[in-house]
């Protein structure tokens, strides 16, 4: 199976300074495990290209987990790398829409102490928009 030829995420920009990433399939383990380092896996590389490469200070990346059923430790490692990349750019990372299965795994790994989590994508985008206004000094269009 050539996992690199099929898109695994959709990246949307609902407002200036806000990027929303949504996964397109519930099980992304093949896209996480085919390389040694997490930054070499197809899922990280796709996410990096779509949402992180040109991320600027004060912007926000929202990652929606609404479709995800499987949350292995490699996925958590990927999120830690994404968080590192976002923080290096003085930007913000919000996670949202955890299914009960993902929430349980995430909590077992201590994720609620490391990441900012919102219940819904709408809440995450709204909070990101308010933060973007404060940082940029400009109201949203």
C-alpha atoms as a PDB file:
ATOM      1  CA  UNK A   1       0.000   0.000   0.000  1.00  0.00           C
ATOM      2  CA  UNK A   2       1.469   3.331  -1.054  1.00  0.00           C
ATOM      3  CA  UNK A   3       0.364   5.584   1.790  1.00  0.00           C
ATOM      4  CA  UNK A   4       2.160   8.632   0.417  1.00  0.00           C
ATOM      5  CA  UNK A   5       0.046   8.875  -2.717  1.00  0.00           C
ATOM      6  CA  UNK A   6      -3.243   9.405  -0.893  1.00  0.00           C
ATOM      7  CA  UNK A   7      -4.053  12.507   1.135  1.00  0.00           C
ATOM      8  CA  UNK A   8      -4.472  11.861   4.849  1.00  0.00           C
ATOM      9  CA  UNK A   9      -5.543  15.349   5.899  1.00  0.00           C
ATOM     10  CA  UNK A  10      -7.530  18.320   4.713  1.00  0.00           C
ATOM     11  CA  UNK A  11      -6.323  21.760   5.759  1.00  0.00           C
ATOM     12  CA  UNK A  12      -8.765  24.650   5.805  1.00  0.00           C
ATOM     13  CA  UNK A  13      -8.352  28.344   6.656  1.00  0.00           C
ATOM     14  CA  UNK A  14     -11.699  29.499   8.075  1.00  0.00           C
ATOM     15  CA  UNK A  15     -10.333  32.897   9.176  1.00  0.00           C
ATOM     16  CA  UNK A  16      -7.108  34.860   8.857  1.00  0.00           C
ATOM     17  CA  UNK A  17      -4.396  33.342  11.028  1.00  0.00           C
ATOM     18  CA  UNK A  18      -6.294  30.105  11.707  1.00  0.00           C
ATOM     19  CA  UNK A  19      -5.681  26.734  10.050  1.00  0.00           C
ATOM     20  CA  UNK A  20      -7.889  23.741  10.704  1.00  0.00           C
ATOM     21  CA  UNK A  21      -6.527  20.267  10.015  1.00  0.00           C
ATOM     22  CA  UNK A  22      -8.962  17.358   9.639  1.00  0.00           C
ATOM     23  CA  UNK A  23      -7.973  13.733   9.156  1.00  0.00           C
ATOM     24  CA  UNK A  24      -9.727  11.903   6.320  1.00  0.00           C
ATOM     25  CA  UNK A  25      -9.695   8.332   7.682  1.00  0.00           C
ATOM     26  CA  UNK A  26     -10.183   6.824  11.139  1.00  0.00           C
ATOM     27  CA  UNK A  27      -7.057   4.657  11.208  1.00  0.00           C
ATOM     28  CA  UNK A  28      -3.761   6.289  10.245  1.00  0.00           C
ATOM     29  CA  UNK A  29      -1.402   3.718  11.743  1.00  0.00           C
ATOM     30  CA  UNK A  30       0.146   2.798   8.361  1.00  0.00           C
ATOM     31  CA  UNK A  31       1.050   6.471   7.836  1.00  0.00           C
ATOM     32  CA  UNK A  32       2.721   6.586  11.260  1.00  0.00           C
ATOM     33  CA  UNK A  33       4.737   3.375  11.351  1.00  0.00           C
ATOM     34  CA  UNK A  34       6.513   3.040   8.025  1.00  0.00           C
ATOM     35  CA  UNK A  35       9.544   5.185   8.955  1.00  0.00           C
ATOM     36  CA  UNK A  36      11.924   5.191  11.934  1.00  0.00           C
ATOM     37  CA  UNK A  37      11.620   8.798  13.058  1.00  0.00           C
ATOM     38  CA  UNK A  38       8.234  10.439  13.539  1.00  0.00           C
ATOM     39  CA  UNK A  39       9.309  13.427  11.418  1.00  0.00           C
ATOM     40  CA  UNK A  40       9.970  11.018   8.535  1.00  0.00           C
ATOM     41  CA  UNK A  41       6.509   9.444   8.563  1.00  0.00           C
ATOM     42  CA  UNK A  42       4.118  10.427   5.750  1.00  0.00           C
ATOM     43  CA  UNK A  43       1.497  11.824   8.137  1.00  0.00           C
ATOM     44  CA  UNK A  44       3.902  14.264   9.798  1.00  0.00           C
ATOM     45  CA  UNK A  45       5.355  15.343   6.465  1.00  0.00           C
ATOM     46  CA  UNK A  46       1.895  15.965   5.025  1.00  0.00           C
ATOM     47  CA  UNK A  47       0.772  17.872   8.114  1.00  0.00           C
ATOM     48  CA  UNK A  48       3.985  19.893   8.108  1.00  0.00           C
ATOM     49  CA  UNK A  49       3.596  20.856   4.437  1.00  0.00           C
ATOM     50  CA  UNK A  50      -0.093  21.729   4.753  1.00  0.00           C
ATOM     51  CA  UNK A  51      -0.193  23.575   8.063  1.00  0.00           C
ATOM     52  CA  UNK A  52       3.219  24.279   9.570  1.00  0.00           C
ATOM     53  CA  UNK A  53       5.779  25.273   6.942  1.00  0.00           C
ATOM     54  CA  UNK A  54       4.597  28.866   6.520  1.00  0.00           C
ATOM     55  CA  UNK A  55       2.958  29.250   9.945  1.00  0.00           C
ATOM     56  CA  UNK A  56       3.658  32.689  11.425  1.00  0.00           C
ATOM     57  CA  UNK A  57       3.846  34.018  14.960  1.00  0.00           C
ATOM     58  CA  UNK A  58       0.417  34.625  16.469  1.00  0.00           C
ATOM     59  CA  UNK A  59      -1.374  32.182  14.164  1.00  0.00           C
ATOM     60  CA  UNK A  60      -3.200  29.057  15.334  1.00  0.00           C
ATOM     61  CA  UNK A  61      -3.378  25.476  14.123  1.00  0.00           C
ATOM     62  CA  UNK A  62      -6.503  23.565  15.126  1.00  0.00           C
ATOM     63  CA  UNK A  63      -6.374  19.782  14.749  1.00  0.00           C
ATOM     64  CA  UNK A  64      -9.771  18.070  14.605  1.00  0.00           C
ATOM     65  CA  UNK A  65      -9.830  14.434  15.802  1.00  0.00           C
ATOM     66  CA  UNK A  66     -13.517  13.846  15.068  1.00  0.00           C
ATOM     67  CA  UNK A  67     -12.898  10.988  12.644  1.00  0.00           C
ATOM     68  CA  UNK A  68     -10.008   9.255  14.449  1.00  0.00           C
ATOM     69  CA  UNK A  69     -10.704   5.850  16.021  1.00  0.00           C
ATOM     70  CA  UNK A  70      -7.139   4.650  16.626  1.00  0.00           C
ATOM     71  CA  UNK A  71      -4.736   6.680  18.743  1.00  0.00           C
ATOM     72  CA  UNK A  72      -1.469   4.758  19.196  1.00  0.00           C
ATOM     73  CA  UNK A  73       1.555   6.148  21.017  1.00  0.00           C
ATOM     74  CA  UNK A  74       3.111   7.050  17.644  1.00  0.00           C
ATOM     75  CA  UNK A  75       0.214   9.477  17.092  1.00  0.00           C
ATOM     76  CA  UNK A  76       0.966  11.098  20.446  1.00  0.00           C
ATOM     77  CA  UNK A  77       4.650  11.392  19.464  1.00  0.00           C
ATOM     78  CA  UNK A  78       3.539  13.057  16.221  1.00  0.00           C
ATOM     79  CA  UNK A  79       1.494  15.586  18.216  1.00  0.00           C
ATOM     80  CA  UNK A  80       4.481  16.354  20.424  1.00  0.00           C
ATOM     81  CA  UNK A  81       6.542  17.113  17.293  1.00  0.00           C
ATOM     82  CA  UNK A  82       3.750  19.280  15.894  1.00  0.00           C
ATOM     83  CA  UNK A  83       3.552  21.130  19.220  1.00  0.00           C
ATOM     84  CA  UNK A  84       7.320  21.682  19.132  1.00  0.00           C
ATOM     85  CA  UNK A  85       7.131  23.086  15.594  1.00  0.00           C
ATOM     86  CA  UNK A  86       4.196  25.363  16.467  1.00  0.00           C
ATOM     87  CA  UNK A  87       5.889  26.684  19.603  1.00  0.00           C
ATOM     88  CA  UNK A  88       9.117  27.337  17.672  1.00  0.00           C
ATOM     89  CA  UNK A  89       7.102  29.704  15.470  1.00  0.00           C
ATOM     90  CA  UNK A  90       5.441  31.427  18.481  1.00  0.00           C
ATOM     91  CA  UNK A  91       2.083  30.141  17.290  1.00  0.00           C
ATOM     92  CA  UNK A  92      -0.713  28.253  19.057  1.00  0.00           C
ATOM     93  CA  UNK A  93      -1.962  24.664  18.790  1.00  0.00           C
ATOM     94  CA  UNK A  94      -5.504  23.611  19.696  1.00  0.00           C
ATOM     95  CA  UNK A  95      -6.887  20.074  19.560  1.00  0.00           C
ATOM     96  CA  UNK A  96     -10.587  19.333  19.332  1.00  0.00           C
ATOM     97  CA  UNK A  97     -13.367  16.801  18.794  1.00  0.00           C
ATOM     98  CA  UNK A  98     -11.864  13.814  20.601  1.00  0.00           C
ATOM     99  CA  UNK A  99     -13.889  10.630  20.296  1.00  0.00           C
ATOM    100  CA  UNK A 100     -14.281   8.707  23.596  1.00  0.00           C
ATOM    101  CA  UNK A 101     -11.641   6.172  22.515  1.00  0.00           C
ATOM    102  CA  UNK A 102      -9.113   8.877  21.601  1.00  0.00           C
ATOM    103  CA  UNK A 103      -9.892  10.840  24.776  1.00  0.00           C
ATOM    104  CA  UNK A 104      -9.184   7.784  26.920  1.00  0.00           C
ATOM    105  CA  UNK A 105      -5.840   7.081  25.226  1.00  0.00           C
ATOM    106  CA  UNK A 106      -4.899  10.760  25.277  1.00  0.00           C
ATOM    107  CA  UNK A 107      -5.658  11.022  28.994  1.00  0.00           C
ATOM    108  CA  UNK A 108      -3.610   7.886  29.760  1.00  0.00           C
ATOM    109  CA  UNK A 109      -0.627   9.544  28.075  1.00  0.00           C
ATOM    110  CA  UNK A 110      -1.087  12.757  30.093  1.00  0.00           C
ATOM    111  CA  UNK A 111      -2.026  14.816  27.064  1.00  0.00           C
ATOM    112  CA  UNK A 112      -4.505  17.026  28.901  1.00  0.00           C
ATOM    113  CA  UNK A 113      -1.559  18.520  30.837  1.00  0.00           C
ATOM    114  CA  UNK A 114       0.455  19.269  27.684  1.00  0.00           C
ATOM    115  CA  UNK A 115      -2.100  20.307  25.061  1.00  0.00           C
ATOM    116  CA  UNK A 116      -4.967  22.785  24.888  1.00  0.00           C
ATOM    117  CA  UNK A 117      -8.170  20.899  24.071  1.00  0.00           C
ATOM    118  CA  UNK A 118     -11.568  22.216  22.995  1.00  0.00           C
ATOM    119  CA  UNK A 119     -14.801  20.229  22.750  1.00  0.00           C
ATOM    120  CA  UNK A 120     -15.750  21.351  19.256  1.00  0.00           C
ATOM    121  CA  UNK A 121     -14.071  22.763  16.173  1.00  0.00           C
ATOM    122  CA  UNK A 122     -16.348  25.796  16.332  1.00  0.00           C
ATOM    123  CA  UNK A 123     -15.182  26.556  19.894  1.00  0.00           C
ATOM    124  CA  UNK A 124     -11.525  26.092  18.899  1.00  0.00           C
ATOM    125  CA  UNK A 125     -11.880  28.412  15.886  1.00  0.00           C
ATOM    126  CA  UNK A 126     -13.735  30.995  17.966  1.00  0.00           C
ATOM    127  CA  UNK A 127     -11.082  30.956  20.707  1.00  0.00           C
ATOM    128  CA  UNK A 128      -8.311  31.104  18.108  1.00  0.00           C
ATOM    129  CA  UNK A 129      -9.976  34.090  16.457  1.00  0.00           C
ATOM    130  CA  UNK A 130     -10.175  35.963  19.744  1.00  0.00           C
ATOM    131  CA  UNK A 131      -6.507  35.239  20.442  1.00  0.00           C
ATOM    132  CA  UNK A 132      -5.509  36.294  16.909  1.00  0.00           C
ATOM    133  CA  UNK A 133      -7.267  39.643  17.409  1.00  0.00           C
ATOM    134  CA  UNK A 134      -5.349  40.239  20.638  1.00  0.00           C
ATOM    135  CA  UNK A 135      -1.983  39.301  19.106  1.00  0.00           C
ATOM    136  CA  UNK A 136      -2.411  41.108  15.795  1.00  0.00           C
ATOM    137  CA  UNK A 137      -4.359  44.067  17.147  1.00  0.00           C
ATOM    138  CA  UNK A 138      -6.773  43.724  14.221  1.00  0.00           C
ATOM    139  CA  UNK A 139     -10.366  42.493  14.381  1.00  0.00           C
ATOM    140  CA  UNK A 140     -11.229  39.581  12.088  1.00  0.00           C
ATOM    141  CA  UNK A 141     -12.767  40.384   8.737  1.00  0.00           C
END
